[in-house]
Amino acid sequence: MTDADSAPVELDGRSLTPEDVVAVARDGAPVTITEGARERVRVSRERVEDVIESGEAVYGLNTGFGELVDERIPPDQIERLQTNLLRSHAAGAGRACTREEVRAMMVSRVNALVAGYSGVREVLVDHLVALLNEDVQPVVRSRGSLGASGDLAPLAHLSLVLIGEGEAIIRDDEESMRVAGDVALEAVGLEPLSLAPKEGLALINGTQLTVGLAAMLVVDGERLLRAADAAGALTTEVTLGTTATSDAAIHDVRPHAGQQRSAAAVRALTADSDVVEAHRNCDRVQDAYSLRCLPQVHGAVHDAVAHLREAVTVELNSATDNPLVFSAADADDRASGTDRAAVISGGNFHGQPLALRLEYARLALTDLGAIAERRIDRILNPNLQEDHLPPFLAPESGLQSGYMIAQYTAAALLNECRSIGAASSDNTPVSGGQEDHVSMSSQSALNARRVLENVRRIVATEAVCATQAADYVGNAEDVDVLAPIVDRAATADRAATADRAATAAALGNGTGALYEHVGKFVPPLEDDRVLDAELDAVADAIASGGIDSVVVPVLEPLDE
């Protein structure tokens, strides 16, 4: 069931945010429709009925679709036309979408419909709202959309449940059951809908799989970037790098917003660090690019994700089906319709505004993984690491391998990210050549999410390695002020002797908090052990907001 304790997300067709999508999709927040939005739905439906009564041939209302656009449909066959549309378009492939993916599609579809340009009945909107609030999850195949004419196949699978067909997952006392669409409706007290003119097309003609995935990607990407800034700052600290390269003076003369953001983050995260202060006047001239250029590289990724957020926010509050219904006074004289209503066929279903920015975000996130992997290597690699760190952070190097293979896995994940192609650069004409340019936007979104998940694990690996490396900082010869962090009399090269509370206190305000939080999942390495679970746990902490809980309080002043 949905979370009755969560504040409802109010849908008005105009103000849905990526965070709202996440609240509904992941957290189970219920949704409500504003009265203003309901009135727009009613007015839009009246316009459709006015056009139907006029007898004029209008695409989407009483004609065929795609290449069959010139086929006129008799009035007594229009309901069958809409039903056939859902059935014939439910030709998806691949895995079933997850609960959060389906709910993201549903909430964004409702918000698009209540914008008031789709011509559907209020009862259809209410059925969708009921499915969301009763946690009925239509079974949706994830592949099949071309991102033009909308995400047709996935939305058709979703919409079948409204007419009592297809399949859905229902939940009772935390148990889930996969049942037929009519059974799912009956379980929540709903009758199958008989679709009225325009409704079948309005349900499936839109970018809702793409934008739902992209909305979650924006929120996840920003959360990942905060973790990456923090992990990179901690790596800079424990490898005795300088934070002078994040000085505001440098970034004020090249004022890219993301670059300034990451530089300010490093300054805030490492503020009051005894480690930084202890080697402020050391003889190192410059750090490697993966440390020195952190603000420039991470900042560019911040900018890419911000660019995607801009498009997603617009798309979430747009009418993306076809045709769209307007007041005759607001439309060109060439529009189909009557003296009161205009129906205009266009291309708002085309996913290119999202597809290109999703590709940009995918490439940017891949590079975030690339720079994080290089910093992992700098912590572990005996040919690159600082003298106070043992090879691969193994207390007994040679006998033990330490975190050697964690870097292998990071490299493998990075290779996978780099091998994913640009879906939106492809074009395969369909529908007899009528739809001769498509965006492939949903595949761009699926690819970008796959990259994000890989990069999240890479950043988690950096955070783990930096945390383990922090246990050795007290062994550095040029930071004697930190000697109390370890009991050198016992052994000079074993992290197991580190006082983690003292180490956290010696680190920066934010890096110390990150070190402590990661330490909950990662004990000091005393002997080789299985590593995947702890790396997964830290990746999960990034995904769930656990890392945010300790990093955001330090970064919040940057947003003021």
Protein backbone atom coordinates (compact mmCIF):
# COMPACT_ATOMS: atom_id res chain seq x y z
CA MET A 1 0.00 0.00 0.00
CA THR A 2 1.01 3.62 -0.31
CA ASP A 3 2.32 5.48 2.71
CA ALA A 4 -0.70 7.13 4.33
CA ASP A 5 1.62 9.10 6.60
CA SER A 6 3.36 10.81 3.68
CA ALA A 7 2.12 14.23 2.69
CA PRO A 8 0.07 13.92 -0.50
CA VAL A 9 1.54 15.27 -3.71
CA GLU A 10 -0.89 17.72 -5.25
CA LEU A 11 -1.17 17.51 -9.02
CA ASP A 12 -2.22 20.60 -10.96
CA GLY A 13 -0.50 20.04 -14.32
CA ARG A 14 1.85 22.92 -13.67
CA SER A 15 4.11 22.44 -10.65
CA LEU A 16 5.25 18.81 -10.44
CA THR A 17 8.95 18.48 -9.52
CA PRO A 18 11.44 15.62 -9.75
CA GLU A 19 11.32 15.39 -5.96
CA ASP A 20 7.52 14.97 -6.13
CA VAL A 21 7.96 12.13 -8.59
CA VAL A 22 10.39 10.41 -6.23
CA ALA A 23 8.02 10.90 -3.29
CA VAL A 24 5.22 9.13 -5.19
CA ALA A 25 7.34 6.55 -7.00
CA ARG A 26 9.61 5.42 -4.17
CA ASP A 27 8.12 6.63 -0.94
CA GLY A 28 4.52 5.78 -1.74
CA ALA A 29 3.15 9.27 -1.24
CA PRO A 30 -0.51 9.53 -2.26
CA VAL A 31 -1.67 12.01 -4.88
CA THR A 32 -4.58 14.44 -5.10
CA ILE A 33 -5.88 16.60 -7.96
CA THR A 34 -6.54 20.30 -7.42
CA GLU A 35 -10.01 21.62 -8.17
CA GLY A 36 -8.56 24.01 -10.74
CA ALA A 37 -7.00 21.09 -12.61
CA ARG A 38 -10.26 19.15 -12.48
CA GLU A 39 -12.09 22.08 -14.02
CA ARG A 40 -9.57 22.22 -16.86
CA VAL A 41 -10.11 18.50 -17.48
CA ARG A 42 -13.87 19.01 -17.65
CA VAL A 43 -13.60 21.96 -20.05
CA SER A 44 -11.19 20.06 -22.29
CA ARG A 45 -13.58 17.11 -22.42
CA GLU A 46 -16.48 19.37 -23.37
CA ARG A 47 -14.43 20.63 -26.30
CA VAL A 48 -13.78 17.09 -27.52
CA GLU A 49 -17.46 16.24 -27.35
CA ASP A 50 -18.29 19.44 -29.25
CA VAL A 51 -15.98 18.36 -32.07
CA ILE A 52 -17.35 14.79 -32.09
CA GLU A 53 -20.91 16.09 -32.39
CA SER A 54 -19.89 18.28 -35.34
CA GLY A 55 -19.06 15.17 -37.39
CA GLU A 56 -15.77 16.63 -38.63
CA ALA A 57 -12.97 14.14 -39.31
CA VAL A 58 -10.29 14.82 -36.68
CA TYR A 59 -7.14 12.80 -36.09
CA GLY A 60 -7.22 10.89 -32.83
CA LEU A 61 -10.94 11.26 -32.40
CA ASN A 62 -12.49 9.46 -35.35
CA THR A 63 -9.63 8.48 -37.68
CA GLY A 64 -7.01 5.76 -37.79
CA PHE A 65 -3.46 6.28 -36.50
CA GLY A 66 -0.01 6.62 -37.99
CA GLU A 67 -0.01 5.50 -41.60
CA LEU A 68 -3.77 4.83 -41.27
CA VAL A 69 -4.53 8.47 -40.52
CA ASP A 70 -6.76 8.84 -43.59
CA GLU A 71 -9.11 6.03 -42.52
CA ARG A 72 -12.40 7.47 -41.18
CA ILE A 73 -13.94 5.51 -38.28
CA PRO A 74 -17.76 5.23 -38.01
CA PRO A 75 -19.25 6.70 -34.79
CA ASP A 76 -20.39 3.32 -33.52
CA GLN A 77 -16.82 1.96 -33.78
CA ILE A 78 -14.96 4.76 -31.96
CA GLU A 79 -14.94 3.03 -28.57
CA ARG A 80 -13.62 -0.12 -30.22
CA LEU A 81 -10.96 2.00 -31.94
CA GLN A 82 -9.67 3.27 -28.59
CA THR A 83 -9.65 -0.21 -27.05
CA ASN A 84 -7.90 -1.71 -30.07
CA LEU A 85 -5.29 1.01 -29.77
CA LEU A 86 -4.29 -0.15 -26.28
CA ARG A 87 -4.33 -3.81 -27.22
CA SER A 88 -2.33 -3.48 -30.43
CA HIS A 89 0.28 -1.19 -28.92
CA ALA A 90 0.97 -3.46 -25.93
CA ALA A 91 3.80 -5.16 -27.80
CA GLY A 92 6.66 -4.42 -25.41
CA ALA A 93 9.67 -6.57 -24.64
CA GLY A 94 12.33 -6.94 -21.99
CA ARG A 95 12.05 -7.02 -18.23
CA ALA A 96 9.03 -5.67 -16.42
CA CYS A 97 9.46 -2.16 -15.08
CA THR A 98 10.00 -1.91 -11.34
CA ARG A 99 7.38 -0.53 -8.96
CA GLU A 100 9.10 2.85 -8.79
CA GLU A 101 9.43 3.05 -12.57
CA VAL A 102 5.73 2.32 -13.09
CA ARG A 103 4.63 4.75 -10.40
CA ALA A 104 6.87 7.45 -11.88
CA MET A 105 5.16 6.88 -15.23
CA MET A 106 1.71 7.03 -13.67
CA VAL A 107 2.16 10.21 -11.67
CA SER A 108 3.70 12.03 -14.62
CA ARG A 109 0.89 10.77 -16.92
CA VAL A 110 -1.80 12.04 -14.54
CA ASN A 111 -0.10 15.41 -14.26
CA ALA A 112 0.07 15.72 -18.05
CA LEU A 113 -3.61 14.85 -18.43
CA VAL A 114 -4.76 17.39 -15.83
CA ALA A 115 -2.92 20.16 -17.65
CA GLY A 116 -6.21 20.30 -19.55
CA TYR A 117 -5.28 19.78 -23.20
CA SER A 118 -5.86 16.03 -23.62
CA GLY A 119 -9.66 15.87 -23.70
CA VAL A 120 -10.10 12.91 -21.37
CA ARG A 121 -12.93 12.44 -18.90
CA GLU A 122 -12.48 13.12 -15.22
CA VAL A 123 -13.31 9.49 -14.41
CA LEU A 124 -10.26 8.31 -16.32
CA VAL A 125 -8.02 10.57 -14.26
CA ASP A 126 -9.68 9.35 -11.08
CA HIS A 127 -9.04 5.72 -12.04
CA LEU A 128 -5.34 6.44 -12.49
CA VAL A 129 -5.23 8.26 -9.16
CA ALA A 130 -6.92 5.32 -7.47
CA LEU A 131 -4.38 2.88 -8.92
CA LEU A 132 -1.58 5.04 -7.51
CA ASN A 133 -3.14 5.52 -4.10
CA GLU A 134 -4.14 1.86 -3.75
CA ASP A 135 -0.68 0.73 -4.90
CA VAL A 136 -1.88 -1.18 -7.95
CA GLN A 137 1.15 -1.61 -10.23
CA PRO A 138 0.38 -2.41 -13.87
CA VAL A 139 2.86 -4.86 -15.37
CA VAL A 140 4.76 -2.80 -17.93
CA ARG A 141 7.38 -4.18 -20.31
CA SER A 142 10.38 -1.86 -20.28
CA ARG A 143 11.46 -2.06 -23.94
CA GLY A 144 9.55 -1.11 -27.07
CA SER A 145 9.38 2.67 -27.00
CA LEU A 146 11.01 4.76 -29.73
CA GLY A 147 10.46 7.99 -27.82
CA ALA A 148 8.32 9.46 -30.60
CA SER A 149 4.57 9.26 -30.70
CA GLY A 150 5.51 8.94 -27.08
CA ASP A 151 6.45 5.89 -25.07
CA LEU A 152 3.69 3.97 -26.83
CA ALA A 153 4.28 0.34 -25.92
CA PRO A 154 5.06 0.86 -22.20
CA LEU A 155 2.11 3.22 -21.76
CA ALA A 156 -0.19 0.78 -23.56
CA HIS A 157 0.77 -1.98 -21.12
CA LEU A 158 0.13 0.41 -18.24
CA SER A 159 -3.24 1.55 -19.60
CA LEU A 160 -4.65 -1.91 -20.30
CA VAL A 161 -5.39 -2.32 -16.60
CA LEU A 162 -7.84 0.60 -16.77
CA ILE A 163 -10.07 -1.43 -19.12
CA GLY A 164 -9.70 -4.60 -17.07
CA GLU A 165 -7.07 -6.20 -19.27
CA GLY A 166 -3.35 -6.75 -19.01
CA GLU A 167 -1.82 -7.63 -15.64
CA ALA A 168 -1.04 -5.83 -12.42
CA ILE A 169 0.71 -6.43 -9.13
CA ILE A 170 -1.39 -5.84 -6.02
CA ARG A 171 -0.19 -5.93 -2.44
CA ASP A 172 -1.83 -7.11 0.75
CA ASP A 173 -0.01 -7.05 4.09
CA GLU A 174 3.34 -6.66 2.31
CA GLU A 175 2.65 -9.65 0.05
CA SER A 176 2.44 -9.05 -3.67
CA MET A 177 0.38 -10.95 -6.22
CA ARG A 178 0.41 -10.72 -10.00
CA VAL A 179 -3.16 -10.83 -11.22
CA ALA A 180 -5.26 -10.04 -14.29
CA GLY A 181 -6.24 -6.43 -14.83
CA ASP A 182 -9.92 -6.95 -14.00
CA VAL A 183 -9.00 -8.73 -10.75
CA ALA A 184 -6.73 -5.84 -9.80
CA LEU A 185 -9.51 -3.32 -10.39
CA GLU A 186 -12.00 -5.39 -8.39
CA ALA A 187 -9.53 -5.59 -5.50
CA VAL A 188 -9.64 -1.80 -5.12
CA GLY A 189 -13.32 -1.36 -5.88
CA LEU A 190 -13.08 -0.09 -9.45
CA GLU A 191 -15.00 -1.03 -12.58
CA PRO A 192 -13.20 -1.40 -15.93
CA LEU A 193 -13.49 1.71 -18.06
CA SER A 194 -15.07 1.87 -21.50
CA LEU A 195 -12.86 4.34 -23.34
CA ALA A 196 -14.45 7.40 -24.90
CA PRO A 197 -13.17 9.13 -28.06
CA LYS A 198 -9.57 10.41 -27.75
CA GLU A 199 -8.88 8.61 -24.45
CA GLY A 200 -6.89 5.65 -25.74
CA LEU A 201 -4.57 7.92 -27.65
CA ALA A 202 -4.29 10.35 -24.72
CA LEU A 203 -3.20 7.50 -22.46
CA ILE A 204 -0.37 6.19 -24.61
CA ASN A 205 0.81 9.27 -26.52
CA GLY A 206 3.36 10.87 -24.19
CA THR A 207 6.88 10.77 -22.81
CA GLN A 208 6.03 9.36 -19.40
CA LEU A 209 8.46 6.44 -19.22
CA THR A 210 11.26 8.74 -20.34
CA VAL A 211 10.42 11.63 -18.05
CA GLY A 212 9.63 9.41 -15.07
CA LEU A 213 13.04 7.74 -15.34
CA ALA A 214 14.71 11.09 -15.97
CA ALA A 215 13.09 12.69 -12.92
CA MET A 216 14.49 9.98 -10.67
CA LEU A 217 17.85 10.26 -12.45
CA VAL A 218 18.02 13.96 -11.61
CA VAL A 219 17.41 13.37 -7.90
CA ASP A 220 19.78 10.39 -7.82
CA GLY A 221 22.41 12.22 -9.84
CA GLU A 222 22.45 15.22 -7.52
CA ARG A 223 22.68 12.92 -4.51
CA LEU A 224 25.53 11.01 -6.15
CA LEU A 225 27.37 14.25 -6.89
CA ARG A 226 27.21 15.32 -3.25
CA ALA A 227 28.67 11.95 -2.27
CA ALA A 228 31.34 12.24 -4.98
CA ASP A 229 32.37 15.71 -3.84
CA ALA A 230 32.65 14.38 -0.28
CA ALA A 231 34.55 11.23 -1.26
CA GLY A 232 36.91 13.27 -3.44
CA ALA A 233 37.50 15.75 -0.61
CA LEU A 234 38.28 12.89 1.78
CA THR A 235 40.67 11.35 -0.75
CA THR A 236 42.40 14.72 -1.13
CA GLU A 237 42.81 14.88 2.64
CA VAL A 238 44.07 11.35 3.29
CA THR A 239 46.52 11.44 0.38
CA LEU A 240 47.85 14.71 1.81
CA GLY A 241 46.74 16.70 -1.20
CA THR A 242 46.12 20.40 -1.04
CA THR A 243 42.72 22.05 -0.88
CA ALA A 244 44.22 25.31 -2.12
CA THR A 245 43.08 24.32 -5.61
CA SER A 246 39.51 24.90 -4.39
CA ASP A 247 40.26 28.48 -3.37
CA ALA A 248 37.41 30.75 -4.42
CA ALA A 249 39.85 33.09 -6.16
CA ILE A 250 40.62 30.44 -8.78
CA HIS A 251 37.01 29.67 -9.53
CA ASP A 252 35.74 33.23 -9.48
CA VAL A 253 37.83 33.92 -12.58
CA ARG A 254 36.28 30.93 -14.37
CA PRO A 255 32.78 31.13 -12.95
CA HIS A 256 31.03 28.04 -14.24
CA ALA A 257 28.24 27.40 -11.75
CA GLY A 258 29.03 23.71 -11.22
CA GLN A 259 32.75 24.34 -10.86
CA GLN A 260 32.13 26.98 -8.23
CA ARG A 261 29.71 24.62 -6.49
CA SER A 262 32.22 21.74 -6.25
CA ALA A 263 35.05 24.03 -5.16
CA ALA A 264 32.87 25.50 -2.42
CA ALA A 265 31.87 21.97 -1.41
CA VAL A 266 35.50 20.90 -0.98
CA ARG A 267 36.20 23.99 1.10
CA ALA A 268 33.18 23.37 3.33
CA LEU A 269 33.80 19.65 3.68
CA THR A 270 37.47 20.05 4.66
CA ALA A 271 36.98 23.12 6.86
CA ASP A 272 38.74 22.92 10.25
CA SER A 273 40.80 19.91 9.16
CA ASP A 274 43.89 19.26 11.26
CA VAL A 275 45.15 17.01 8.47
CA VAL A 276 45.07 19.81 5.90
CA GLU A 277 46.59 22.26 8.34
CA ALA A 278 49.38 19.89 9.38
CA HIS A 279 50.96 19.78 5.91
CA ARG A 280 49.97 23.22 4.68
CA ASN A 281 53.64 24.14 4.08
CA CYS A 282 54.89 20.82 2.74
CA ASP A 283 57.21 20.68 -0.29
CA ARG A 284 54.73 19.14 -2.73
CA VAL A 285 54.31 21.47 -5.72
CA GLN A 286 51.21 20.10 -7.40
CA ASP A 287 48.72 17.28 -7.05
CA ALA A 288 47.67 14.97 -9.88
CA TYR A 289 44.75 16.13 -12.00
CA SER A 290 42.28 13.74 -10.38
CA LEU A 291 42.76 15.75 -7.17
CA ARG A 292 43.71 19.16 -8.50
CA CYS A 293 40.95 19.35 -11.10
CA LEU A 294 38.18 17.90 -8.97
CA PRO A 295 36.14 21.15 -9.01
CA GLN A 296 36.44 21.49 -12.77
CA VAL A 297 35.47 17.87 -13.54
CA HIS A 298 32.83 17.37 -10.87
CA GLY A 299 31.54 20.85 -11.62
CA ALA A 300 30.96 20.00 -15.26
CA VAL A 301 28.91 17.00 -14.16
CA HIS A 302 26.90 19.25 -11.82
CA ASP A 303 26.16 21.47 -14.83
CA ALA A 304 25.07 18.51 -16.97
CA VAL A 305 22.65 17.23 -14.33
CA ALA A 306 21.33 20.76 -13.80
CA HIS A 307 20.72 21.01 -17.55
CA LEU A 308 18.74 17.78 -17.40
CA ARG A 309 16.74 19.00 -14.39
CA GLU A 310 15.67 22.05 -16.38
CA ALA A 311 14.27 19.91 -19.21
CA VAL A 312 12.65 17.40 -16.86
CA THR A 313 10.86 20.11 -14.91
CA VAL A 314 9.42 21.54 -18.12
CA GLU A 315 8.45 18.11 -19.41
CA LEU A 316 6.72 17.03 -16.21
CA ASN A 317 4.37 19.98 -16.57
CA SER A 318 3.74 19.74 -20.29
CA ALA A 319 0.99 18.32 -22.47
CA THR A 320 2.78 15.66 -24.52
CA ASP A 321 0.04 13.70 -26.26
CA ASN A 322 -1.38 14.27 -29.72
CA PRO A 323 -3.62 15.82 -30.87
CA LEU A 324 -4.14 18.55 -28.27
CA VAL A 325 -7.38 20.34 -27.55
CA PHE A 326 -7.66 24.13 -27.19
CA SER A 327 -10.21 26.89 -27.14
CA ALA A 328 -10.87 27.94 -30.73
CA ALA A 329 -9.91 31.49 -29.74
CA ASP A 330 -6.39 30.34 -28.85
CA ALA A 331 -5.66 28.41 -32.04
CA ASP A 332 -4.87 29.10 -35.66
CA ASP A 333 -7.78 29.14 -38.11
CA ARG A 334 -6.28 26.09 -39.81
CA ALA A 335 -6.95 23.92 -36.75
CA SER A 336 -9.63 21.24 -36.93
CA GLY A 337 -12.70 21.69 -34.78
CA THR A 338 -15.60 24.05 -34.25
CA ASP A 339 -16.17 27.67 -33.40
CA ARG A 340 -15.63 26.73 -29.74
CA ALA A 341 -12.98 24.02 -29.86
CA ALA A 342 -9.77 23.48 -31.80
CA VAL A 343 -7.89 20.21 -32.17
CA ILE A 344 -4.30 20.54 -33.33
CA SER A 345 -2.06 17.67 -34.36
CA GLY A 346 1.61 18.25 -33.62
CA GLY A 347 4.65 16.55 -32.17
CA ASN A 348 4.85 17.25 -28.43
CA PHE A 349 5.24 13.50 -27.94
CA HIS A 350 8.73 13.61 -29.46
CA GLY A 351 11.30 12.84 -26.77
CA GLN A 352 14.28 14.66 -28.24
CA PRO A 353 14.38 17.50 -25.64
CA LEU A 354 14.93 14.81 -23.02
CA ALA A 355 16.93 12.34 -25.10
CA LEU A 356 19.81 14.68 -25.88
CA ARG A 357 20.14 15.91 -22.32
CA LEU A 358 19.98 12.35 -21.02
CA GLU A 359 22.88 11.46 -23.31
CA TYR A 360 24.79 14.48 -22.01
CA ALA A 361 24.09 13.42 -18.42
CA ARG A 362 25.13 9.82 -19.19
CA LEU A 363 28.46 10.98 -20.60
CA ALA A 364 29.00 13.35 -17.69
CA LEU A 365 28.26 10.69 -15.09
CA THR A 366 30.63 8.32 -16.88
CA ASP A 367 33.40 10.88 -16.48
CA LEU A 368 32.52 11.27 -12.80
CA GLY A 369 33.18 7.54 -12.52
CA ALA A 370 36.42 7.94 -14.46
CA ILE A 371 37.92 10.54 -12.14
CA ALA A 372 36.77 8.66 -9.04
CA GLU A 373 38.42 5.48 -10.33
CA ARG A 374 41.69 7.37 -10.81
CA ARG A 375 41.56 8.59 -7.22
CA ILE A 376 40.93 5.04 -6.03
CA ASP A 377 44.10 4.01 -7.85
CA ARG A 378 46.05 6.85 -6.20
CA ILE A 379 45.01 5.56 -2.80
CA LEU A 380 45.90 1.93 -3.56
CA ASN A 381 48.68 1.84 -6.17
CA PRO A 382 52.13 1.41 -4.59
CA ASN A 383 53.65 3.25 -7.55
CA LEU A 384 51.50 6.32 -6.96
CA GLN A 385 50.34 6.36 -3.34
CA GLU A 386 51.87 8.36 -0.50
CA ASP A 387 54.50 6.78 1.73
CA HIS A 388 52.22 6.53 4.74
CA LEU A 389 49.86 4.21 2.91
CA PRO A 390 50.62 0.48 2.53
CA PRO A 391 50.20 -1.09 -0.93
CA PHE A 392 46.49 -1.63 -1.62
CA LEU A 393 45.84 -0.70 2.03
CA ALA A 394 46.78 -4.25 3.02
CA PRO A 395 48.35 -4.35 6.52
CA GLU A 396 50.59 -7.22 5.40
CA SER A 397 51.13 -6.51 1.73
CA GLY A 398 51.90 -9.59 -0.31
CA LEU A 399 50.35 -11.97 2.15
CA GLN A 400 47.20 -9.87 1.81
CA SER A 401 45.68 -8.17 -1.24
CA GLY A 402 43.66 -5.57 0.62
CA TYR A 403 41.46 -3.48 -1.70
CA MET A 404 43.35 -4.37 -4.88
CA ILE A 405 40.39 -6.05 -6.58
CA ALA A 406 37.95 -3.34 -5.53
CA GLN A 407 39.77 -1.14 -8.03
CA TYR A 408 39.49 -3.88 -10.67
CA THR A 409 35.73 -3.88 -10.21
CA ALA A 410 35.60 -0.10 -10.43
CA ALA A 411 37.55 -0.31 -13.69
CA ALA A 412 35.17 -2.97 -15.02
CA LEU A 413 32.12 -0.85 -14.16
CA LEU A 414 33.71 2.15 -15.81
CA ASN A 415 34.38 0.12 -18.94
CA GLU A 416 30.72 -0.88 -19.04
CA CYS A 417 29.69 2.78 -18.79
CA ARG A 418 32.02 3.69 -21.63
CA SER A 419 30.75 0.88 -23.84
CA ILE A 420 27.11 2.05 -23.78
CA GLY A 421 26.17 3.74 -27.03
CA ALA A 422 24.23 6.93 -27.66
CA ALA A 423 20.69 5.69 -28.22
CA SER A 424 19.41 9.07 -29.37
CA SER A 425 21.86 9.15 -32.30
CA ASP A 426 19.94 6.28 -33.91
CA ASN A 427 16.86 6.65 -36.08
CA THR A 428 14.69 3.85 -37.42
CA PRO A 429 11.60 5.02 -39.36
CA VAL A 430 8.36 3.22 -38.50
CA SER A 431 4.63 3.24 -39.30
CA GLY A 432 5.11 2.96 -43.02
CA GLY A 433 7.46 5.94 -43.06
CA GLN A 434 4.96 8.32 -41.47
CA GLU A 435 7.04 8.37 -38.29
CA ASP A 436 10.37 8.84 -40.00
CA HIS A 437 12.38 10.41 -37.17
CA VAL A 438 12.31 9.10 -33.62
CA SER A 439 14.24 10.03 -30.47
CA MET A 440 14.86 6.71 -28.68
CA SER A 441 14.52 8.78 -25.49
CA SER A 442 13.39 5.96 -23.21
CA GLN A 443 16.48 3.92 -24.10
CA SER A 444 18.59 7.02 -23.40
CA ALA A 445 16.94 7.16 -19.97
CA LEU A 446 17.46 3.46 -19.27
CA ASN A 447 21.11 3.74 -20.32
CA ALA A 448 21.69 6.80 -18.15
CA ARG A 449 20.20 5.06 -15.11
CA ARG A 450 22.43 2.04 -15.72
CA VAL A 451 25.48 4.30 -15.82
CA LEU A 452 24.41 6.09 -12.66
CA GLU A 453 24.13 2.81 -10.78
CA ASN A 454 27.62 1.78 -11.91
CA VAL A 455 29.13 5.14 -11.00
CA ARG A 456 27.42 5.06 -7.62
CA ARG A 457 29.34 1.85 -6.86
CA ILE A 458 32.59 3.42 -8.07
CA VAL A 459 32.10 6.45 -5.82
CA ALA A 460 31.21 4.13 -2.94
CA THR A 461 34.49 2.30 -3.55
CA GLU A 462 36.38 5.57 -3.36
CA ALA A 463 34.63 6.47 -0.10
CA VAL A 464 35.53 3.07 1.37
CA CYS A 465 39.18 3.24 0.28
CA ALA A 466 39.52 6.83 1.50
CA THR A 467 38.05 5.81 4.85
CA GLN A 468 40.54 2.97 5.20
CA ALA A 469 43.36 5.28 4.10
CA ALA A 470 42.39 7.78 6.79
CA ASP A 471 43.34 5.18 9.38
CA TYR A 472 46.97 5.56 8.25
CA VAL A 473 47.21 9.34 8.16
CA GLY A 474 48.85 9.45 11.57
CA ASN A 475 51.79 7.52 10.13
CA ALA A 476 52.75 10.32 7.75
CA GLU A 477 56.15 11.73 8.70
CA ASP A 478 55.28 15.31 7.81
CA VAL A 479 52.14 15.40 9.93
CA ASP A 480 53.54 14.69 13.38
CA VAL A 481 50.77 16.69 14.95
CA LEU A 482 48.52 13.76 14.06
CA ALA A 483 50.65 11.07 15.70
CA PRO A 484 48.14 10.47 18.52
CA ILE A 485 45.74 9.08 15.95
CA VAL A 486 47.61 5.79 16.05
CA ASP A 487 49.57 3.98 18.69
CA ARG A 488 52.93 4.01 16.95
CA ALA A 489 54.55 2.13 19.79
CA ALA A 490 52.40 -0.87 18.95
CA THR A 491 52.90 -0.93 15.22
CA ALA A 492 53.56 1.77 12.69
CA ASP A 493 51.78 0.29 9.76
CA ARG A 494 48.56 -1.27 11.00
CA ALA A 495 45.33 0.62 10.57
CA ALA A 496 43.75 -1.62 13.20
CA THR A 497 45.47 0.47 15.86
CA ALA A 498 43.82 3.67 14.65
CA ASP A 499 41.57 5.59 17.00
CA ARG A 500 38.69 6.29 14.65
CA ALA A 501 37.11 8.89 16.90
CA ALA A 502 40.38 10.82 17.00
CA THR A 503 40.79 10.46 13.24
CA ALA A 504 37.29 11.78 12.60
CA ALA A 505 38.02 14.77 14.84
CA ALA A 506 41.21 15.48 12.91
CA LEU A 507 39.46 15.47 9.55
CA GLY A 508 37.31 18.24 8.12
CA ASN A 509 33.79 19.08 9.21
CA GLY A 510 32.25 17.13 6.34
CA THR A 511 34.96 14.61 5.56
CA GLY A 512 35.08 13.55 9.20
CA ALA A 513 31.33 12.98 9.15
CA LEU A 514 31.65 10.95 5.94
CA TYR A 515 34.51 8.92 7.46
CA GLU A 516 32.41 8.10 10.52
CA HIS A 517 29.33 7.18 8.50
CA VAL A 518 31.23 4.92 6.10
CA GLY A 519 32.97 3.39 9.11
CA LYS A 520 29.62 2.02 10.25
CA PHE A 521 29.74 -0.39 7.31
CA VAL A 522 33.51 -0.77 6.98
CA PRO A 523 35.63 -1.85 9.96
CA PRO A 524 39.40 -1.33 9.86
CA LEU A 525 41.04 -3.87 7.58
CA GLU A 526 43.10 -6.26 9.70
CA ASP A 527 43.10 -9.21 7.31
CA ASP A 528 41.71 -9.96 3.87
CA ARG A 529 37.95 -10.36 3.87
CA VAL A 530 35.07 -10.52 1.40
CA LEU A 531 34.50 -6.93 0.28
CA ASP A 532 31.42 -6.86 -1.92
CA ALA A 533 28.89 -6.53 0.89
CA GLU A 534 30.55 -3.50 2.47
CA LEU A 535 30.97 -1.81 -0.91
CA ASP A 536 27.32 -2.50 -1.67
CA ALA A 537 26.30 -1.13 1.72
CA VAL A 538 28.04 2.18 1.07
CA ALA A 539 26.55 2.37 -2.43
CA ASP A 540 23.14 1.78 -0.85
CA ALA A 541 23.86 4.53 1.68
CA ILE A 542 24.46 6.91 -1.23
CA ALA A 543 21.27 5.79 -2.95
CA SER A 544 19.06 5.95 0.13
CA GLY A 545 20.29 9.31 1.37
CA GLY A 546 22.38 8.00 4.26
CA ILE A 547 25.46 9.82 3.00
CA ASP A 548 23.32 12.89 2.35
CA SER A 549 22.27 12.89 5.99
CA VAL A 550 25.82 13.70 7.08
CA VAL A 551 26.99 15.70 4.08
CA VAL A 552 24.01 17.96 3.37
CA PRO A 553 24.16 19.81 6.72
CA VAL A 554 27.69 20.89 5.83
CA LEU A 555 26.73 21.86 2.28
CA GLU A 556 23.39 23.55 3.01
CA PRO A 557 24.93 27.02 3.52
CA LEU A 558 26.11 26.87 -0.12
CA ASP A 559 22.46 27.00 -1.23
CA GLU A 560 21.57 30.05 0.84
